C-alpha atoms as a PDB file:
ATOM      1  CA  MET A   1       0.045   0.032  -0.018  1.00  0.00           C
ATOM      2  CA  SER A   2       1.526   3.202  -1.071  1.00  0.00           C
ATOM      3  CA  LYS A   3       1.123   6.394   0.950  1.00  0.00           C
ATOM      4  CA  LYS A   4      -0.216   9.304  -1.138  1.00  0.00           C
ATOM      5  CA  GLN A   5       2.152  12.240  -1.296  1.00  0.00           C
ATOM      6  CA  PRO A   6       0.857  15.639   0.041  1.00  0.00           C
ATOM      7  CA  ASN A   7      -0.423  17.758  -2.907  1.00  0.00           C
ATOM      8  CA  ARG A   8       2.341  20.491  -3.131  1.00  0.00           C
ATOM      9  CA  LEU A   9       0.451  22.293  -5.926  1.00  0.00           C
ATOM     10  CA  ALA A  10      -2.640  22.684  -3.788  1.00  0.00           C
ATOM     11  CA  GLN A  11      -0.481  23.981  -0.854  1.00  0.00           C
ATOM     12  CA  LEU A  12       1.160  26.488  -3.211  1.00  0.00           C
ATOM     13  CA  ILE A  13      -2.250  27.650  -4.491  1.00  0.00           C
ATOM     14  CA  ASP A  14      -3.517  28.124  -0.933  1.00  0.00           C
ATOM     15  CA  HIS A  15      -0.401  30.017   0.036  1.00  0.00           C
ATOM     16  CA  GLN A  16      -0.692  32.295  -3.060  1.00  0.00           C
ATOM     17  CA  ALA A  17      -4.389  32.897  -2.278  1.00  0.00           C
ATOM     18  CA  PHE A  18      -3.623  33.845   1.265  1.00  0.00           C
ATOM     19  CA  ALA A  19      -0.735  36.007   0.200  1.00  0.00           C
ATOM     20  CA  GLY A  20      -2.974  37.879  -2.328  1.00  0.00           C
ATOM     21  CA  SER A  21      -5.664  38.515   0.231  1.00  0.00           C
ATOM     22  CA  ALA A  22      -3.886  41.572   1.476  1.00  0.00           C
ATOM     23  CA  LEU A  23      -1.966  44.265  -0.420  1.00  0.00           C
ATOM     24  CA  PRO A  24       1.662  44.579   0.069  1.00  0.00           C
ATOM     25  CA  GLN A  25       2.342  47.357   2.606  1.00  0.00           C
ATOM     26  CA  THR A  26       4.039  49.705   0.198  1.00  0.00           C
ATOM     27  CA  LEU A  27       1.211  49.444  -2.292  1.00  0.00           C
ATOM     28  CA  ALA A  28      -1.310  50.133   0.360  1.00  0.00           C
ATOM     29  CA  ASP A  29       0.604  53.152   1.589  1.00  0.00           C
ATOM     30  CA  ASN A  30       0.954  54.547  -1.999  1.00  0.00           C
ATOM     31  CA  MET A  31      -2.731  54.026  -2.495  1.00  0.00           C
ATOM     32  CA  ARG A  32      -3.709  55.825   0.510  1.00  0.00           C
ATOM     33  CA  LEU A  33      -1.057  58.690  -0.417  1.00  0.00           C
ATOM     34  CA  TYR A  34      -2.521  59.025  -3.823  1.00  0.00           C
ATOM     35  CA  ILE A  35      -6.161  59.019  -2.681  1.00  0.00           C
ATOM     36  CA  GLU A  36      -5.454  61.797  -0.120  1.00  0.00           C
ATOM     37  CA  ALA A  37      -3.498  63.700  -2.839  1.00  0.00           C
ATOM     38  CA  THR A  38      -6.300  63.307  -5.392  1.00  0.00           C
ATOM     39  CA  THR A  39      -8.829  64.612  -2.708  1.00  0.00           C
ATOM     40  CA  GLU A  40      -6.618  67.533  -1.883  1.00  0.00           C
ATOM     41  CA  ILE A  41      -6.104  68.377  -5.667  1.00  0.00           C
ATOM     42  CA  LYS A  42      -9.739  68.318  -6.372  1.00  0.00           C
ATOM     43  CA  GLU A  43     -10.387  70.672  -3.471  1.00  0.00           C
ATOM     44  CA  LEU A  44      -7.662  73.042  -4.583  1.00  0.00           C
ATOM     45  CA  LEU A  45      -8.578  73.191  -8.277  1.00  0.00           C
ATOM     46  CA  ILE A  46     -12.297  72.925  -7.903  1.00  0.00           C
ATOM     47  CA  ASP A  47     -12.686  76.540  -9.145  1.00  0.00           C
ATOM     48  CA  CYS A  48     -10.117  76.101 -11.875  1.00  0.00           C
ATOM     49  CA  LEU A  49     -10.818  72.734 -13.612  1.00  0.00           C
ATOM     50  CA  PRO A  50     -14.241  71.944 -15.322  1.00  0.00           C
ATOM     51  CA  GLU A  51     -16.246  69.308 -13.536  1.00  0.00           C
ATOM     52  CA  GLU A  52     -15.851  66.763 -16.431  1.00  0.00           C
ATOM     53  CA  ILE A  53     -12.109  66.857 -15.931  1.00  0.00           C
ATOM     54  CA  LEU A  54     -12.125  66.886 -12.162  1.00  0.00           C
ATOM     55  CA  SER A  55     -14.375  63.803 -12.108  1.00  0.00           C
ATOM     56  CA  THR A  56     -11.907  61.685 -13.987  1.00  0.00           C
ATOM     57  CA  CYS A  57      -8.866  63.193 -12.467  1.00  0.00           C
ATOM     58  CA  TRP A  58      -6.687  60.957 -10.204  1.00  0.00           C
ATOM     59  CA  VAL A  59      -3.160  61.326  -8.810  1.00  0.00           C
ATOM     60  CA  VAL A  60      -1.238  58.170  -9.952  1.00  0.00           C
ATOM     61  CA  GLY A  61       2.277  59.372  -9.018  1.00  0.00           C
ATOM     62  CA  LEU A  62       3.789  61.770  -6.547  1.00  0.00           C
ATOM     63  CA  THR A  63       7.298  62.863  -5.559  1.00  0.00           C
ATOM     64  CA  SER A  64       8.204  66.044  -3.892  1.00  0.00           C
ATOM     65  CA  GLU A  65       8.799  67.781  -7.354  1.00  0.00           C
ATOM     66  CA  GLN A  66       6.563  65.878  -9.658  1.00  0.00           C
ATOM     67  CA  LEU A  67       2.849  65.221  -9.712  1.00  0.00           C
ATOM     68  CA  THR A  68       1.417  62.653 -12.176  1.00  0.00           C
ATOM     69  CA  LEU A  69      -2.250  62.947 -12.933  1.00  0.00           C
ATOM     70  CA  SER A  70      -4.400  60.458 -14.896  1.00  0.00           C
ATOM     71  CA  VAL A  71      -7.383  61.883 -16.793  1.00  0.00           C
ATOM     72  CA  GLY A  72     -10.121  60.446 -18.927  1.00  0.00           C
ATOM     73  CA  SER A  73      -9.421  62.119 -22.288  1.00  0.00           C
ATOM     74  CA  MET A  74      -6.747  63.657 -24.429  1.00  0.00           C
ATOM     75  CA  THR A  75      -8.656  67.004 -24.375  1.00  0.00           C
ATOM     76  CA  ALA A  76      -8.466  67.035 -20.484  1.00  0.00           C
ATOM     77  CA  ALA A  77      -4.776  66.123 -20.669  1.00  0.00           C
ATOM     78  CA  ASN A  78      -4.105  68.990 -23.131  1.00  0.00           C
ATOM     79  CA  HIS A  79      -6.018  71.397 -21.016  1.00  0.00           C
ATOM     80  CA  ILE A  80      -4.067  70.581 -17.942  1.00  0.00           C
ATOM     81  CA  ARG A  81      -0.759  70.788 -19.856  1.00  0.00           C
ATOM     82  CA  TYR A  82      -1.686  74.139 -21.397  1.00  0.00           C
ATOM     83  CA  LEU A  83      -2.424  75.630 -18.040  1.00  0.00           C
ATOM     84  CA  GLN A  84       0.294  73.704 -16.050  1.00  0.00           C
ATOM     85  CA  ASN A  85       2.041  76.889 -14.840  1.00  0.00           C
ATOM     86  CA  ALA A  86      -1.123  78.330 -13.335  1.00  0.00           C
ATOM     87  CA  TYR A  87      -2.171  75.111 -11.669  1.00  0.00           C
ATOM     88  CA  LEU A  88       1.524  74.657 -10.307  1.00  0.00           C
ATOM     89  CA  GLN A  89       1.236  78.162  -8.705  1.00  0.00           C
ATOM     90  CA  ILE A  90      -2.011  77.457  -7.096  1.00  0.00           C
ATOM     91  CA  LEU A  91      -0.893  74.038  -5.744  1.00  0.00           C
ATOM     92  CA  THR A  92       2.595  75.348  -4.501  1.00  0.00           C
ATOM     93  CA  GLU A  93       1.124  78.398  -2.801  1.00  0.00           C
ATOM     94  CA  GLN A  94      -1.907  76.832  -1.140  1.00  0.00           C
ATOM     95  CA  SER A  95      -0.649  73.340  -0.118  1.00  0.00           C
ATOM     96  CA  ILE A  96       2.028  72.010   2.036  1.00  0.00           C
ATOM     97  CA  THR A  97       1.838  68.650   0.231  1.00  0.00           C
ATOM     98  CA  PHE A  98       2.700  70.306  -3.068  1.00  0.00           C
ATOM     99  CA  LYS A  99       5.024  73.049  -1.870  1.00  0.00           C
ATOM    100  CA  GLN A 100       8.042  71.910  -3.799  1.00  0.00           C
ATOM    101  CA  LEU A 101       6.175  70.861  -6.839  1.00  0.00           C
ATOM    102  CA  LYS A 102       8.048  71.756 -10.169  1.00  0.00           C
ATOM    103  CA  GLN A 103       6.223  69.711 -12.753  1.00  0.00           C
ATOM    104  CA  ILE A 104       2.704  68.245 -13.518  1.00  0.00           C
ATOM    105  CA  ARG A 105       2.716  65.105 -15.787  1.00  0.00           C
ATOM    106  CA  VAL A 106      -0.520  64.067 -17.196  1.00  0.00           C
ATOM    107  CA  VAL A 107      -1.387  60.529 -18.569  1.00  0.00           C
ATOM    108  CA  VAL A 108      -4.718  59.453 -20.282  1.00  0.00           C
ATOM    109  CA  ALA A 109      -6.509  56.423 -18.849  1.00  0.00           C
ATOM    110  CA  LYS A 110      -8.192  54.559 -21.692  1.00  0.00           C
ATOM    111  CA  ILE A 111     -11.048  53.255 -19.702  1.00  0.00           C
ATOM    112  CA  SER A 112     -12.021  54.734 -16.377  1.00  0.00           C
ATOM    113  CA  ALA A 113     -14.553  53.446 -13.937  1.00  0.00           C
ATOM    114  CA  HIS A 114     -16.618  56.567 -14.356  1.00  0.00           C
ATOM    115  CA  SER A 115     -16.970  56.024 -18.249  1.00  0.00           C
ATOM    116  CA  LEU A 116     -17.724  52.403 -17.818  1.00  0.00           C
ATOM    117  CA  SER A 117     -20.611  53.061 -15.523  1.00  0.00           C
ATOM    118  CA  SER A 118     -22.242  55.866 -17.344  1.00  0.00           C
ATOM    119  CA  LYS A 119     -21.139  56.590 -20.870  1.00  0.00           C
ATOM    120  CA  LYS A 120     -20.272  53.414 -23.002  1.00  0.00           C
ATOM    121  CA  PRO A 121     -21.668  50.232 -21.510  1.00  0.00           C
ATOM    122  CA  LEU A 122     -23.069  49.189 -24.952  1.00  0.00           C
ATOM    123  CA  ALA A 123     -19.730  49.736 -26.858  1.00  0.00           C
ATOM    124  CA  LEU A 124     -17.876  48.005 -24.183  1.00  0.00           C
ATOM    125  CA  SER A 125     -20.272  44.996 -24.266  1.00  0.00           C
ATOM    126  CA  ALA A 126     -20.086  44.870 -27.943  1.00  0.00           C
ATOM    127  CA  THR A 127     -16.338  44.914 -27.928  1.00  0.00           C
ATOM    128  CA  LEU A 128     -16.215  42.224 -25.265  1.00  0.00           C
ATOM    129  CA  SER A 129     -18.659  39.841 -27.166  1.00  0.00           C
ATOM    130  CA  LYS A 130     -16.499  40.416 -30.362  1.00  0.00           C
ATOM    131  CA  SER A 131     -13.334  39.367 -28.466  1.00  0.00           C
ATOM    132  CA  HIS A 132     -15.208  36.447 -26.904  1.00  0.00           C
ATOM    133  CA  LYS A 133     -16.303  35.219 -30.292  1.00  0.00           C
ATOM    134  CA  ALA A 134     -12.804  35.599 -31.707  1.00  0.00           C
ATOM    135  CA  ASN A 135     -11.561  33.391 -28.880  1.00  0.00           C
ATOM    136  CA  GLU A 136     -14.458  30.831 -29.322  1.00  0.00           C
ATOM    137  CA  ASN A 137     -12.944  29.217 -32.465  1.00  0.00           C
ATOM    138  CA  GLN A 138      -9.333  29.134 -31.377  1.00  0.00           C
ATOM    139  CA  ALA A 139      -7.879  25.813 -30.364  1.00  0.00           C
ATOM    140  CA  LEU A 140      -6.198  25.416 -26.918  1.00  0.00           C
ATOM    141  CA  SER A 141      -2.467  25.983 -26.994  1.00  0.00           C
ATOM    142  CA  GLN A 142      -0.196  23.047 -26.239  1.00  0.00           C
ATOM    143  CA  ASN A 143       0.806  24.798 -22.935  1.00  0.00           C
ATOM    144  CA  THR A 144      -2.859  25.292 -21.873  1.00  0.00           C
ATOM    145  CA  LYS A 145      -3.556  21.474 -22.764  1.00  0.00           C
ATOM    146  CA  ARG A 146      -0.527  20.398 -20.731  1.00  0.00           C
ATOM    147  CA  THR A 147      -1.669  22.536 -17.766  1.00  0.00           C
ATOM    148  CA  ILE A 148      -5.282  21.136 -17.847  1.00  0.00           C
ATOM    149  CA  SER A 149      -3.799  17.617 -18.070  1.00  0.00           C
ATOM    150  CA  GLN A 150      -1.536  17.961 -15.179  1.00  0.00           C
ATOM    151  CA  ALA A 151      -4.457  19.657 -13.111  1.00  0.00           C
ATOM    152  CA  ALA A 152      -6.706  16.573 -13.987  1.00  0.00           C
ATOM    153  CA  GLU A 153      -3.961  14.018 -13.094  1.00  0.00           C
ATOM    154  CA  HIS A 154      -2.378  15.673  -9.937  1.00  0.00           C
ATOM    155  CA  VAL A 155      -4.896  18.204  -8.535  1.00  0.00           C
ATOM    156  CA  THR A 156      -8.506  16.937  -8.675  1.00  0.00           C
ATOM    157  CA  THR A 157      -9.786  14.030  -6.841  1.00  0.00           C
ATOM    158  CA  ASP A 158     -13.265  14.055  -8.394  1.00  0.00           C
ATOM    159  CA  GLU A 159     -13.409  11.473 -11.091  1.00  0.00           C
ATOM    160  CA  LYS A 160     -16.062  12.953 -13.292  1.00  0.00           C
ATOM    161  CA  LEU A 161     -14.030  16.301 -13.422  1.00  0.00           C
ATOM    162  CA  ARG A 162     -10.885  14.557 -14.004  1.00  0.00           C
ATOM    163  CA  LYS A 163     -12.393  12.827 -17.168  1.00  0.00           C
ATOM    164  CA  ALA A 164     -14.018  16.078 -18.363  1.00  0.00           C
ATOM    165  CA  LEU A 165     -10.719  17.947 -18.094  1.00  0.00           C
ATOM    166  CA  LEU A 166      -8.815  15.222 -19.975  1.00  0.00           C
ATOM    167  CA  ARG A 167     -11.373  15.348 -22.740  1.00  0.00           C
ATOM    168  CA  LEU A 168     -11.012  19.103 -22.916  1.00  0.00           C
ATOM    169  CA  ALA A 169      -7.396  18.718 -23.023  1.00  0.00           C
ATOM    170  CA  ASN A 170      -7.431  16.198 -25.951  1.00  0.00           C
ATOM    171  CA  HIS A 171      -9.819  18.199 -28.089  1.00  0.00           C
END
């Protein structure tokens, strides 16, 4: 009678799931810093920036001398770049956080949560369904088949699931 070896792969998956349940401390700290900076920026520039720019504007990078903002459109980015000196003056004069700021960088986020929820749900769902249809007819790669086979042989104990996975891998 052979003793079954403990499933090292399952232990690894459990460990990774546990490790992923909390953000690394530096990432959590950066997120908190960026959220606080975003709130402060929106309060300081509320009278300068149009609402449609403010609503999609987020701090995504911050050093003592450089602020990086993410906005929802190229028009918004160009607006901020064009008036960068005026905004720099307001921020450096009215905030301790931005006292030493020398430059504002602007990046355009392709899809923001705001635009997903209100503006383009139909266009997005059409795009997603097209990409799903494109993937429907593609055969599984050898690497994917190998991974499925290994999972069927070494990870699962359910016989029906094992057979279904092996059938999938052999198609």
